[in-house]
Every structure is written in structure tokens, then in C-alpha cells.
């Protein structure tokens, strides 16, 4: 980005540590530290990295800095694959079969899905994933809620494939990421949109 036009046009810029994005663009503490040190009025995080982390608007608000994007509760619910599916079902949106079939929820005061409801949409073990797949029908996708970019997701057409792929899903996602199972919607296309609350 050093030669990017937006850098050239900026009045000032701050260099951040290089390396993995957890050292820079996804590091909420670093972003807030730099924003406070530079006495900025607002932060627009762009796309990806920390822009989808509900801790960023929460921490910026505590510093008195405006976050240009959705508030933390909206991010928490819509930014998480499991919570978003539960919210869609609560709103009556038809959903394909998954490990959280039929779950609905009243949002908490913070605007999030209650933990006990959220956990019902998850599979904690390979055996739970197999049981879910047998209930909803193969082929399925075994997905880490915090995965993305092709990481933490595997298509499985049989019990044996779940047994082989479940550990890979766990290893590719951030540690402790919730996992869920969803029936594969074959031949589908999708469009992603940004929602600003």
C-alpha cells in the first residue's frame, strides 16, 4: 500500500508492523491505540480484517471515537454465521437444513443471540457432526463459524468424509471457533452485501 494513491493524498499516515494481519490490520488494540494517539474523530476500517470484529466499534466508542460502520451488536449477530442463521430463522426467512434447524431467539440486551441458543446450533464433536449430517442428509458442509476465505470449511458426502475433514476444519479456524453443519446447496450462486446498521 506504500505507493497507493490514498497514501500519497493523505495529510499524514502511520506505518504499522508488517507480517500477518493479526500484527496490523486485524489488530483491534493497535488500531485503537493509533487512532487515540493520532486524535482522530472517526475510523473507517475498510473491508475484511478488523472491519468485521465487534470489538473494534466497542473499543472505539469507549475512546470517544466514531466507528464508521455497523454497531457492535449488529456485527455480533450478522457477522457470525451461526448467529445470522438463527436470526434469519427468527425473522421467518426460509433456511436450508442445518445443525440449528428451527432455532429462534429473542436478542439479549446487548443485541446478541443468547449463548444457550447459539450453542444449540453448534456441533462440538465429530460424532455430533455425523449425527447432524445423517439427520439433514448428505452432502453437507462442515463449517467453522469464524472461518473464511476457503478456510475452515469442507464438503462431506459421507460419514467417512466427515471423520477425515472435521479435524481439518478445526485446525484451519481460529482456536475455539464454533463449528456447524449445513446441507450443501448444490448449483447455487450467491451475492454478498454489506449491511450498515
N, C-alpha and C. Protein backbone atom coordinates (compact mmCIF):
# COMPACT_ATOMS: atom_id res chain seq x y z
N UNK A 1 0.80 -1.20 0.00
CA UNK A 1 0.00 0.00 0.00
C UNK A 1 0.85 1.27 0.00
N UNK A 2 2.15 1.13 0.18
CA UNK A 2 3.00 2.32 0.34
C UNK A 2 2.91 3.27 -0.86
N UNK A 3 2.67 2.74 -2.04
CA UNK A 3 2.59 3.58 -3.25
C UNK A 3 1.16 3.88 -3.67
N UNK A 4 0.20 3.49 -2.85
CA UNK A 4 -1.21 3.69 -3.20
C UNK A 4 -1.56 5.17 -3.23
N UNK A 5 -2.50 5.53 -4.10
CA UNK A 5 -2.90 6.93 -4.24
C UNK A 5 -3.44 7.51 -2.94
N UNK A 6 -4.22 6.74 -2.18
CA UNK A 6 -4.77 7.26 -0.94
C UNK A 6 -3.67 7.59 0.07
N UNK A 7 -2.56 6.88 0.03
CA UNK A 7 -1.43 7.22 0.90
C UNK A 7 -0.77 8.52 0.43
N UNK A 8 -0.59 8.63 -0.87
CA UNK A 8 0.01 9.82 -1.45
C UNK A 8 -0.82 11.07 -1.16
N UNK A 9 -2.16 10.93 -1.15
CA UNK A 9 -3.05 12.07 -0.94
C UNK A 9 -3.28 12.41 0.53
N UNK A 10 -2.91 11.50 1.42
CA UNK A 10 -3.16 11.71 2.85
C UNK A 10 -2.28 12.82 3.41
N UNK A 11 -2.85 13.55 4.38
CA UNK A 11 -2.06 14.56 5.08
C UNK A 11 -0.97 13.90 5.93
N UNK A 12 -1.33 12.82 6.60
CA UNK A 12 -0.37 12.03 7.38
C UNK A 12 -0.76 10.57 7.28
N UNK A 13 0.19 9.70 7.60
CA UNK A 13 -0.11 8.28 7.67
C UNK A 13 0.78 7.68 8.75
N UNK A 14 0.36 6.53 9.26
CA UNK A 14 1.10 5.84 10.32
C UNK A 14 1.46 4.46 9.80
N UNK A 15 2.73 4.14 9.87
CA UNK A 15 3.16 2.79 9.49
C UNK A 15 2.84 1.83 10.62
N UNK A 16 2.35 0.67 10.27
CA UNK A 16 2.04 -0.36 11.25
C UNK A 16 2.99 -1.53 11.04
N UNK A 17 3.13 -2.40 12.04
CA UNK A 17 4.04 -3.53 11.89
C UNK A 17 3.67 -4.39 10.68
N UNK A 18 4.67 -4.95 10.05
CA UNK A 18 4.42 -5.83 8.90
C UNK A 18 4.12 -7.23 9.41
N UNK A 19 3.92 -8.13 8.49
CA UNK A 19 3.66 -9.52 8.84
C UNK A 19 2.20 -9.87 8.75
N UNK A 20 1.81 -10.92 9.47
CA UNK A 20 0.43 -11.39 9.45
C UNK A 20 -0.52 -10.28 9.88
N UNK A 21 -1.77 -10.37 9.39
CA UNK A 21 -2.72 -9.29 9.68
C UNK A 21 -3.07 -9.17 11.16
N UNK A 22 -2.79 -10.18 11.97
CA UNK A 22 -3.02 -10.05 13.41
C UNK A 22 -2.03 -9.04 14.02
N UNK A 23 -0.97 -8.72 13.28
CA UNK A 23 0.00 -7.73 13.74
C UNK A 23 -0.38 -6.31 13.34
N UNK A 24 -1.36 -6.16 12.44
CA UNK A 24 -1.67 -4.83 11.92
C UNK A 24 -3.16 -4.64 11.66
N UNK A 25 -3.61 -4.94 10.46
CA UNK A 25 -4.98 -4.60 10.04
C UNK A 25 -6.09 -5.32 10.79
N UNK A 26 -5.78 -6.46 11.42
CA UNK A 26 -6.79 -7.17 12.20
C UNK A 26 -6.58 -6.98 13.70
N UNK A 27 -5.61 -6.17 14.09
CA UNK A 27 -5.28 -5.98 15.48
C UNK A 27 -6.08 -4.81 16.05
N UNK A 28 -7.18 -5.11 16.71
CA UNK A 28 -8.09 -4.08 17.23
C UNK A 28 -7.38 -3.17 18.22
N UNK A 29 -6.58 -3.75 19.11
CA UNK A 29 -5.87 -2.92 20.09
C UNK A 29 -4.94 -1.93 19.41
N UNK A 30 -4.21 -2.38 18.41
CA UNK A 30 -3.30 -1.49 17.68
C UNK A 30 -4.06 -0.38 16.95
N UNK A 31 -5.15 -0.74 16.30
CA UNK A 31 -5.96 0.27 15.59
C UNK A 31 -6.45 1.33 16.56
N UNK A 32 -6.95 0.91 17.71
CA UNK A 32 -7.45 1.87 18.70
C UNK A 32 -6.32 2.71 19.28
N UNK A 33 -5.19 2.09 19.53
CA UNK A 33 -4.02 2.82 20.06
C UNK A 33 -3.57 3.90 19.08
N UNK A 34 -3.47 3.55 17.80
CA UNK A 34 -3.06 4.52 16.78
C UNK A 34 -4.12 5.62 16.64
N UNK A 35 -5.39 5.24 16.63
CA UNK A 35 -6.47 6.23 16.49
C UNK A 35 -6.45 7.23 17.65
N UNK A 36 -6.25 6.73 18.87
CA UNK A 36 -6.20 7.62 20.03
C UNK A 36 -4.96 8.52 19.98
N UNK A 37 -3.81 7.94 19.62
CA UNK A 37 -2.57 8.71 19.56
C UNK A 37 -2.64 9.81 18.50
N UNK A 38 -3.34 9.52 17.40
CA UNK A 38 -3.46 10.49 16.31
C UNK A 38 -4.62 11.46 16.52
N UNK A 39 -5.37 11.26 17.61
CA UNK A 39 -6.52 12.11 17.95
C UNK A 39 -7.52 12.21 16.80
N UNK A 40 -7.84 11.06 16.23
CA UNK A 40 -8.79 11.04 15.12
C UNK A 40 -10.21 11.17 15.64
N UNK A 41 -11.09 11.65 14.78
CA UNK A 41 -12.52 11.76 15.13
C UNK A 41 -13.27 10.48 14.82
N UNK A 42 -12.81 9.77 13.78
CA UNK A 42 -13.55 8.59 13.33
C UNK A 42 -12.59 7.60 12.68
N UNK A 43 -13.02 6.34 12.63
CA UNK A 43 -12.27 5.28 11.96
C UNK A 43 -13.20 4.58 11.00
N UNK A 44 -12.77 4.48 9.73
CA UNK A 44 -13.45 3.63 8.75
C UNK A 44 -12.48 2.50 8.45
N UNK A 45 -12.86 1.26 8.77
CA UNK A 45 -11.90 0.17 8.70
C UNK A 45 -11.76 -0.50 7.33
N UNK A 46 -12.52 -0.09 6.35
CA UNK A 46 -12.44 -0.77 5.05
C UNK A 46 -13.19 -2.08 5.08
N UNK A 47 -12.64 -3.10 4.42
CA UNK A 47 -13.29 -4.42 4.33
C UNK A 47 -12.36 -5.47 4.87
N UNK A 48 -12.94 -6.52 5.45
CA UNK A 48 -12.14 -7.62 5.98
C UNK A 48 -11.38 -7.21 7.23
N UNK A 49 -10.41 -8.02 7.59
CA UNK A 49 -9.55 -7.77 8.74
C UNK A 49 -10.40 -7.43 9.98
N UNK A 50 -10.15 -6.28 10.61
CA UNK A 50 -10.88 -5.90 11.83
C UNK A 50 -12.24 -5.28 11.54
N UNK A 51 -12.56 -5.04 10.28
CA UNK A 51 -13.84 -4.38 9.96
C UNK A 51 -15.05 -5.21 10.36
N UNK A 52 -14.85 -6.50 10.57
CA UNK A 52 -15.96 -7.38 10.94
C UNK A 52 -15.86 -7.84 12.40
N UNK A 53 -14.98 -7.23 13.16
CA UNK A 53 -14.77 -7.62 14.55
C UNK A 53 -15.56 -6.67 15.45
N UNK A 54 -16.58 -7.17 16.17
CA UNK A 54 -17.40 -6.30 17.00
C UNK A 54 -16.63 -5.60 18.13
N UNK A 55 -15.43 -6.08 18.45
CA UNK A 55 -14.62 -5.41 19.46
C UNK A 55 -14.14 -4.04 18.99
N UNK A 56 -13.96 -3.85 17.67
CA UNK A 56 -13.46 -2.58 17.17
C UNK A 56 -14.42 -1.42 17.45
N UNK A 57 -15.69 -1.48 17.03
CA UNK A 57 -16.57 -0.36 17.36
C UNK A 57 -16.77 -0.19 18.86
N UNK A 58 -16.76 -1.29 19.59
CA UNK A 58 -16.94 -1.23 21.05
C UNK A 58 -15.77 -0.48 21.69
N UNK A 59 -14.54 -0.81 21.31
CA UNK A 59 -13.37 -0.16 21.90
C UNK A 59 -13.25 1.29 21.44
N UNK A 60 -13.56 1.56 20.18
CA UNK A 60 -13.50 2.94 19.70
C UNK A 60 -14.51 3.81 20.43
N UNK A 61 -15.71 3.27 20.64
CA UNK A 61 -16.75 4.03 21.36
C UNK A 61 -16.27 4.39 22.76
N UNK A 62 -15.60 3.45 23.42
CA UNK A 62 -15.07 3.70 24.76
C UNK A 62 -14.03 4.82 24.75
N UNK A 63 -13.36 4.99 23.61
CA UNK A 63 -12.36 6.05 23.47
C UNK A 63 -12.96 7.37 22.97
N UNK A 64 -14.27 7.36 22.69
CA UNK A 64 -14.92 8.56 22.18
C UNK A 64 -14.66 8.80 20.70
N UNK A 65 -14.32 7.73 19.99
CA UNK A 65 -14.03 7.82 18.56
C UNK A 65 -15.17 7.16 17.79
N UNK A 66 -15.65 7.82 16.76
CA UNK A 66 -16.75 7.29 15.95
C UNK A 66 -16.26 6.17 15.05
N UNK A 67 -17.02 5.10 15.01
CA UNK A 67 -16.75 3.99 14.09
C UNK A 67 -17.68 4.15 12.91
N UNK A 68 -17.13 4.20 11.72
CA UNK A 68 -17.95 4.35 10.52
C UNK A 68 -18.27 2.95 10.02
N UNK A 69 -19.41 2.45 10.44
CA UNK A 69 -19.84 1.10 10.12
C UNK A 69 -20.91 0.67 11.09
N UNK A 70 -21.28 -0.60 11.04
CA UNK A 70 -22.36 -1.06 11.92
C UNK A 70 -21.93 -1.11 13.38
N UNK A 71 -22.88 -0.95 14.30
CA UNK A 71 -22.54 -1.05 15.72
C UNK A 71 -22.22 -2.50 16.11
N UNK A 72 -21.58 -2.64 17.26
CA UNK A 72 -21.15 -3.97 17.73
C UNK A 72 -22.24 -5.03 17.72
N UNK A 73 -23.47 -4.74 18.24
CA UNK A 73 -24.47 -5.80 18.26
C UNK A 73 -24.84 -6.30 16.86
N UNK A 74 -24.92 -5.39 15.91
CA UNK A 74 -25.24 -5.80 14.53
C UNK A 74 -24.13 -6.70 14.00
N UNK A 75 -22.89 -6.28 14.23
CA UNK A 75 -21.75 -7.11 13.81
C UNK A 75 -21.77 -8.47 14.46
N UNK A 76 -22.06 -8.48 15.76
CA UNK A 76 -22.05 -9.75 16.51
C UNK A 76 -23.04 -10.74 15.92
N UNK A 77 -24.22 -10.25 15.60
CA UNK A 77 -25.27 -11.15 15.11
C UNK A 77 -25.09 -11.48 13.64
N UNK A 78 -24.87 -10.48 12.81
CA UNK A 78 -24.78 -10.74 11.38
C UNK A 78 -23.39 -11.18 10.93
N UNK A 79 -22.39 -10.90 11.75
CA UNK A 79 -21.03 -11.26 11.38
C UNK A 79 -20.69 -12.70 11.72
N UNK A 80 -21.53 -13.35 12.47
CA UNK A 80 -21.30 -14.74 12.85
C UNK A 80 -22.27 -15.62 12.07
N UNK A 81 -21.75 -16.64 11.41
CA UNK A 81 -22.58 -17.49 10.54
C UNK A 81 -23.70 -18.19 11.31
N UNK A 82 -23.42 -18.67 12.51
CA UNK A 82 -24.43 -19.37 13.29
C UNK A 82 -25.49 -18.39 13.78
N UNK A 83 -25.05 -17.28 14.37
CA UNK A 83 -25.99 -16.28 14.87
C UNK A 83 -26.85 -15.72 13.75
N UNK A 84 -26.25 -15.48 12.58
CA UNK A 84 -27.01 -14.94 11.45
C UNK A 84 -28.10 -15.91 10.99
N UNK A 85 -27.79 -17.20 10.99
CA UNK A 85 -28.80 -18.20 10.62
C UNK A 85 -29.93 -18.24 11.63
N UNK A 86 -29.60 -18.15 12.92
CA UNK A 86 -30.64 -18.15 13.95
C UNK A 86 -31.51 -16.90 13.80
N UNK A 87 -30.88 -15.75 13.55
CA UNK A 87 -31.62 -14.51 13.36
C UNK A 87 -32.54 -14.61 12.14
N UNK A 88 -32.04 -15.19 11.04
CA UNK A 88 -32.86 -15.34 9.84
C UNK A 88 -34.08 -16.22 10.14
N UNK A 89 -33.87 -17.32 10.85
CA UNK A 89 -34.99 -18.20 11.20
C UNK A 89 -35.99 -17.49 12.11
N UNK A 90 -35.47 -16.66 13.03
CA UNK A 90 -36.33 -15.89 13.93
C UNK A 90 -37.22 -14.95 13.13
N UNK A 91 -36.66 -14.40 12.04
CA UNK A 91 -37.41 -13.47 11.18
C UNK A 91 -38.32 -14.20 10.19
N UNK A 92 -38.28 -15.54 10.22
CA UNK A 92 -39.15 -16.31 9.32
C UNK A 92 -38.57 -16.53 7.94
N UNK A 93 -37.27 -16.28 7.77
CA UNK A 93 -36.63 -16.50 6.47
C UNK A 93 -36.42 -17.99 6.29
N UNK A 94 -36.89 -18.56 5.17
CA UNK A 94 -36.66 -20.00 4.94
C UNK A 94 -35.16 -20.30 4.90
N UNK A 95 -34.77 -21.38 5.55
CA UNK A 95 -33.37 -21.77 5.61
C UNK A 95 -33.21 -23.21 5.17
N UNK A 96 -32.02 -23.50 4.63
CA UNK A 96 -31.76 -24.89 4.27
C UNK A 96 -31.44 -25.66 5.56
N UNK A 97 -31.63 -26.97 5.56
CA UNK A 97 -31.39 -27.74 6.79
C UNK A 97 -29.96 -27.58 7.30
N UNK A 98 -29.85 -27.43 8.62
CA UNK A 98 -28.52 -27.27 9.24
C UNK A 98 -28.59 -27.71 10.69
N UNK A 99 -27.48 -27.66 11.39
CA UNK A 99 -27.43 -28.14 12.77
C UNK A 99 -28.28 -27.32 13.73
N UNK A 100 -28.70 -26.13 13.33
CA UNK A 100 -29.55 -25.30 14.17
C UNK A 100 -30.96 -25.15 13.64
N UNK A 101 -31.42 -26.14 12.88
CA UNK A 101 -32.79 -26.12 12.35
C UNK A 101 -33.80 -25.68 13.39
N UNK A 102 -34.64 -24.72 13.02
CA UNK A 102 -35.76 -24.35 13.85
C UNK A 102 -35.45 -23.46 15.04
N UNK A 103 -34.18 -23.18 15.31
CA UNK A 103 -33.86 -22.32 16.45
C UNK A 103 -34.31 -20.89 16.19
N UNK A 104 -34.90 -20.28 17.19
CA UNK A 104 -35.25 -18.86 17.14
C UNK A 104 -34.80 -18.26 18.46
N UNK A 105 -34.70 -16.94 18.50
CA UNK A 105 -34.19 -16.31 19.72
C UNK A 105 -34.71 -14.90 19.89
N UNK A 106 -34.89 -14.52 21.13
CA UNK A 106 -35.08 -13.13 21.50
C UNK A 106 -33.68 -12.60 21.76
N UNK A 107 -33.32 -11.47 21.14
CA UNK A 107 -31.98 -10.93 21.33
C UNK A 107 -31.78 -10.47 22.78
N UNK A 108 -30.55 -10.57 23.25
CA UNK A 108 -30.21 -10.09 24.59
C UNK A 108 -30.23 -8.56 24.59
N UNK A 109 -30.06 -7.96 25.76
CA UNK A 109 -30.00 -6.51 25.86
C UNK A 109 -28.87 -5.93 25.03
N UNK A 110 -27.80 -6.71 24.85
CA UNK A 110 -26.66 -6.26 24.04
C UNK A 110 -26.92 -6.44 22.55
N UNK A 111 -28.07 -7.03 22.21
CA UNK A 111 -28.41 -7.24 20.80
C UNK A 111 -27.80 -8.48 20.20
N UNK A 112 -27.48 -9.46 21.03
CA UNK A 112 -26.87 -10.70 20.53
C UNK A 112 -27.79 -11.89 20.79
N UNK A 113 -27.46 -13.01 20.16
CA UNK A 113 -28.19 -14.26 20.37
C UNK A 113 -27.77 -14.82 21.74
N UNK A 114 -28.71 -15.25 22.59
CA UNK A 114 -28.33 -15.84 23.88
C UNK A 114 -27.41 -17.04 23.68
N UNK A 115 -26.41 -17.18 24.55
CA UNK A 115 -25.42 -18.25 24.44
C UNK A 115 -26.04 -19.64 24.37
N UNK A 116 -27.06 -19.89 25.21
CA UNK A 116 -27.62 -21.24 25.24
C UNK A 116 -28.29 -21.59 23.90
N UNK A 117 -28.90 -20.61 23.24
CA UNK A 117 -29.49 -20.84 21.92
C UNK A 117 -28.40 -21.00 20.88
N UNK A 118 -27.39 -20.14 20.93
CA UNK A 118 -26.27 -20.21 19.99
C UNK A 118 -25.62 -21.60 20.02
N UNK A 119 -25.36 -22.11 21.23
CA UNK A 119 -24.68 -23.41 21.37
C UNK A 119 -25.50 -24.56 20.78
N UNK A 120 -26.82 -24.41 20.78
CA UNK A 120 -27.67 -25.46 20.19
C UNK A 120 -27.50 -25.56 18.68
N UNK A 121 -26.99 -24.51 18.04
CA UNK A 121 -26.74 -24.54 16.60
C UNK A 121 -25.38 -25.10 16.23
N UNK A 122 -24.56 -25.39 17.24
CA UNK A 122 -23.19 -25.85 17.01
C UNK A 122 -23.08 -27.37 17.12
N UNK A 123 -22.02 -27.89 16.53
CA UNK A 123 -21.62 -29.28 16.76
C UNK A 123 -20.24 -29.23 17.42
N UNK A 124 -20.09 -29.89 18.54
CA UNK A 124 -18.84 -29.82 19.31
C UNK A 124 -17.88 -30.96 19.00
N UNK A 125 -18.43 -32.05 18.45
CA UNK A 125 -17.59 -33.22 18.18
C UNK A 125 -17.87 -33.76 16.79
N UNK A 126 -16.96 -34.59 16.33
CA UNK A 126 -17.13 -35.25 15.05
C UNK A 126 -18.39 -36.11 15.07
N UNK A 127 -18.66 -36.76 16.19
CA UNK A 127 -19.84 -37.62 16.30
C UNK A 127 -21.13 -36.80 16.17
N UNK A 128 -21.14 -35.60 16.76
CA UNK A 128 -22.31 -34.72 16.62
C UNK A 128 -22.47 -34.28 15.17
N UNK A 129 -21.36 -34.02 14.48
CA UNK A 129 -21.41 -33.61 13.07
C UNK A 129 -21.98 -34.74 12.22
N UNK A 130 -21.56 -35.96 12.48
CA UNK A 130 -22.07 -37.12 11.73
C UNK A 130 -23.56 -37.29 11.99
N UNK A 131 -23.98 -37.22 13.25
CA UNK A 131 -25.40 -37.38 13.58
C UNK A 131 -26.23 -36.30 12.90
N UNK A 132 -25.74 -35.09 12.88
CA UNK A 132 -26.46 -34.00 12.22
C UNK A 132 -26.57 -34.26 10.72
N UNK A 133 -25.46 -34.65 10.10
CA UNK A 133 -25.45 -34.91 8.65
C UNK A 133 -26.41 -36.03 8.29
N UNK A 134 -26.48 -37.04 9.13
CA UNK A 134 -27.41 -38.15 8.86
C UNK A 134 -28.86 -37.70 9.03
N UNK A 135 -29.10 -36.72 9.90
CA UNK A 135 -30.45 -36.20 10.08
C UNK A 135 -30.87 -35.32 8.91
N UNK A 136 -29.97 -34.42 8.47
CA UNK A 136 -30.35 -33.46 7.42
C UNK A 136 -30.09 -33.96 6.01
N UNK A 137 -29.23 -34.97 5.87
CA UNK A 137 -28.95 -35.55 4.57
C UNK A 137 -27.66 -35.05 3.94
N UNK A 138 -26.92 -35.99 3.37
CA UNK A 138 -25.68 -35.67 2.66
C UNK A 138 -26.01 -35.17 1.26
N UNK A 139 -25.12 -34.43 0.63
CA UNK A 139 -23.85 -33.91 1.12
C UNK A 139 -24.08 -32.70 2.02
N UNK A 140 -23.09 -32.46 2.90
CA UNK A 140 -23.16 -31.34 3.83
C UNK A 140 -21.86 -30.53 3.76
N UNK A 141 -21.94 -29.34 4.33
CA UNK A 141 -20.75 -28.53 4.55
C UNK A 141 -20.51 -28.51 6.05
N UNK A 142 -19.31 -28.83 6.45
CA UNK A 142 -18.89 -28.68 7.84
C UNK A 142 -18.12 -27.36 7.87
N UNK A 143 -18.61 -26.41 8.68
CA UNK A 143 -18.08 -25.05 8.62
C UNK A 143 -17.73 -24.52 10.01
N UNK A 144 -16.60 -23.81 10.05
CA UNK A 144 -16.24 -23.08 11.26
C UNK A 144 -16.88 -21.71 11.18
N UNK A 145 -17.55 -21.32 12.23
CA UNK A 145 -18.24 -20.03 12.22
C UNK A 145 -17.27 -18.87 12.00
N UNK A 146 -16.04 -19.02 12.47
CA UNK A 146 -15.05 -17.96 12.32
C UNK A 146 -14.09 -18.22 11.16
N UNK A 147 -14.43 -19.19 10.31
CA UNK A 147 -13.61 -19.43 9.12
C UNK A 147 -13.93 -18.40 8.05
N UNK A 148 -13.24 -18.48 6.96
CA UNK A 148 -13.49 -17.56 5.86
C UNK A 148 -12.40 -17.71 4.82
N UNK A 149 -12.68 -17.24 3.62
CA UNK A 149 -11.68 -17.31 2.56
C UNK A 149 -11.31 -18.74 2.19
N UNK A 150 -12.27 -19.66 2.34
CA UNK A 150 -11.99 -21.05 2.00
C UNK A 150 -11.37 -21.85 3.13
N UNK A 151 -11.10 -21.22 4.25
CA UNK A 151 -10.51 -21.91 5.40
C UNK A 151 -11.62 -22.29 6.37
N UNK A 152 -11.48 -23.47 6.99
CA UNK A 152 -12.46 -23.90 7.98
C UNK A 152 -13.78 -24.31 7.38
N UNK A 153 -13.74 -24.88 6.17
CA UNK A 153 -14.97 -25.33 5.52
C UNK A 153 -14.63 -26.54 4.65
N UNK A 154 -15.45 -27.58 4.75
CA UNK A 154 -15.24 -28.78 3.95
C UNK A 154 -16.59 -29.36 3.53
N UNK A 155 -16.66 -29.78 2.28
CA UNK A 155 -17.83 -30.51 1.78
C UNK A 155 -17.62 -31.98 2.12
N UNK A 156 -18.67 -32.61 2.63
CA UNK A 156 -18.59 -34.01 3.02
C UNK A 156 -19.81 -34.75 2.47
N UNK A 157 -19.54 -35.84 1.77
CA UNK A 157 -20.62 -36.62 1.17
C UNK A 157 -20.88 -37.92 1.91
N UNK A 158 -20.16 -38.15 3.01
CA UNK A 158 -20.34 -39.40 3.75
C UNK A 158 -19.79 -39.24 5.17
N UNK A 159 -20.12 -40.23 6.00
CA UNK A 159 -19.61 -40.27 7.37
C UNK A 159 -18.09 -40.28 7.36
N UNK A 160 -17.52 -41.06 6.45
CA UNK A 160 -16.06 -41.18 6.37
C UNK A 160 -15.41 -39.85 6.02
N UNK A 161 -16.06 -39.07 5.16
CA UNK A 161 -15.51 -37.76 4.80
C UNK A 161 -15.59 -36.79 5.97
N UNK A 162 -16.66 -36.86 6.75
CA UNK A 162 -16.74 -36.02 7.96
C UNK A 162 -15.62 -36.41 8.92
N UNK A 163 -15.40 -37.71 9.10
CA UNK A 163 -14.35 -38.16 10.01
C UNK A 163 -12.98 -37.68 9.55
N UNK A 164 -12.76 -37.61 8.25
CA UNK A 164 -11.48 -37.13 7.72
C UNK A 164 -11.38 -35.60 7.75
N UNK A 165 -12.49 -34.92 7.50
CA UNK A 165 -12.45 -33.46 7.33
C UNK A 165 -12.70 -32.65 8.60
N UNK A 166 -13.40 -33.21 9.58
CA UNK A 166 -13.72 -32.45 10.79
C UNK A 166 -12.47 -31.89 11.46
N UNK A 167 -11.41 -32.71 11.64
CA UNK A 167 -10.19 -32.16 12.26
C UNK A 167 -9.55 -31.05 11.41
N UNK A 168 -9.66 -31.13 10.10
CA UNK A 168 -9.12 -30.08 9.24
C UNK A 168 -9.86 -28.76 9.44
N UNK A 169 -11.18 -28.85 9.55
CA UNK A 169 -11.98 -27.64 9.80
C UNK A 169 -11.54 -27.01 11.12
N UNK A 170 -11.39 -27.84 12.15
CA UNK A 170 -10.97 -27.33 13.46
C UNK A 170 -9.59 -26.67 13.38
N UNK A 171 -8.67 -27.28 12.65
CA UNK A 171 -7.29 -26.77 12.58
C UNK A 171 -7.15 -25.51 11.74
N UNK A 172 -8.01 -25.32 10.77
CA UNK A 172 -7.90 -24.15 9.89
C UNK A 172 -8.55 -22.90 10.47
N UNK A 173 -9.46 -23.08 11.41
CA UNK A 173 -10.17 -21.94 12.00
C UNK A 173 -9.42 -21.46 13.24
N UNK A 174 -9.71 -20.24 13.67
CA UNK A 174 -9.11 -19.79 14.93
C UNK A 174 -9.47 -20.75 16.06
N UNK A 175 -8.57 -20.95 17.02
CA UNK A 175 -8.85 -21.87 18.13
C UNK A 175 -10.17 -21.54 18.83
N UNK A 176 -10.97 -22.58 19.06
CA UNK A 176 -12.24 -22.39 19.75
C UNK A 176 -13.39 -21.94 18.88
N UNK A 177 -13.16 -21.77 17.58
CA UNK A 177 -14.24 -21.34 16.69
C UNK A 177 -15.38 -22.35 16.73
N UNK A 178 -16.61 -21.88 16.92
CA UNK A 178 -17.75 -22.81 16.86
C UNK A 178 -17.86 -23.43 15.47
N UNK A 179 -18.35 -24.64 15.41
CA UNK A 179 -18.50 -25.36 14.14
C UNK A 179 -19.96 -25.74 13.99
N UNK A 180 -20.45 -25.69 12.74
CA UNK A 180 -21.82 -26.11 12.46
C UNK A 180 -21.84 -26.90 11.16
N UNK A 181 -22.96 -27.55 10.91
CA UNK A 181 -23.14 -28.38 9.72
C UNK A 181 -24.35 -27.86 8.97
N UNK A 182 -24.21 -27.74 7.66
CA UNK A 182 -25.30 -27.24 6.83
C UNK A 182 -25.39 -28.11 5.57
N UNK A 183 -26.61 -28.44 5.19
CA UNK A 183 -26.80 -29.22 3.97
C UNK A 183 -26.23 -28.43 2.79
N UNK A 184 -25.53 -29.11 1.89
CA UNK A 184 -24.94 -28.45 0.73
C UNK A 184 -26.05 -28.08 -0.26
N UNK A 185 -26.05 -26.85 -0.65
CA UNK A 185 -26.99 -26.36 -1.65
C UNK A 185 -26.26 -26.38 -2.99
N UNK A 186 -26.48 -27.45 -3.75
CA UNK A 186 -25.71 -27.65 -4.98
C UNK A 186 -26.20 -26.77 -6.11
N UNK A 187 -25.24 -26.30 -6.92
CA UNK A 187 -25.57 -25.49 -8.09
C UNK A 187 -26.05 -24.09 -7.76
N UNK A 188 -25.85 -23.66 -6.53
CA UNK A 188 -26.34 -22.34 -6.12
C UNK A 188 -25.30 -21.26 -6.42
N UNK A 189 -25.79 -20.04 -6.54
CA UNK A 189 -24.93 -18.86 -6.65
C UNK A 189 -25.38 -17.90 -5.56
N UNK A 190 -24.48 -17.04 -5.14
CA UNK A 190 -24.87 -16.10 -4.09
C UNK A 190 -24.25 -14.73 -4.34
N UNK A 191 -24.84 -13.77 -3.70
CA UNK A 191 -24.36 -12.40 -3.73
C UNK A 191 -24.19 -11.96 -2.29
N UNK A 192 -23.05 -11.37 -1.98
CA UNK A 192 -22.83 -10.85 -0.63
C UNK A 192 -23.00 -9.34 -0.64
N UNK A 193 -23.61 -8.84 0.42
CA UNK A 193 -23.82 -7.39 0.55
C UNK A 193 -23.35 -6.94 1.92
N UNK A 194 -22.91 -5.70 2.01
CA UNK A 194 -22.55 -5.11 3.30
C UNK A 194 -23.83 -4.52 3.90
N UNK A 195 -24.06 -4.79 5.19
CA UNK A 195 -25.23 -4.22 5.88
C UNK A 195 -24.70 -3.23 6.91
N UNK A 196 -25.17 -2.02 6.83
CA UNK A 196 -24.76 -0.99 7.78
C UNK A 196 -25.97 -0.62 8.63
N UNK A 197 -25.83 -0.76 9.95
CA UNK A 197 -26.94 -0.51 10.85
C UNK A 197 -26.97 0.91 11.33
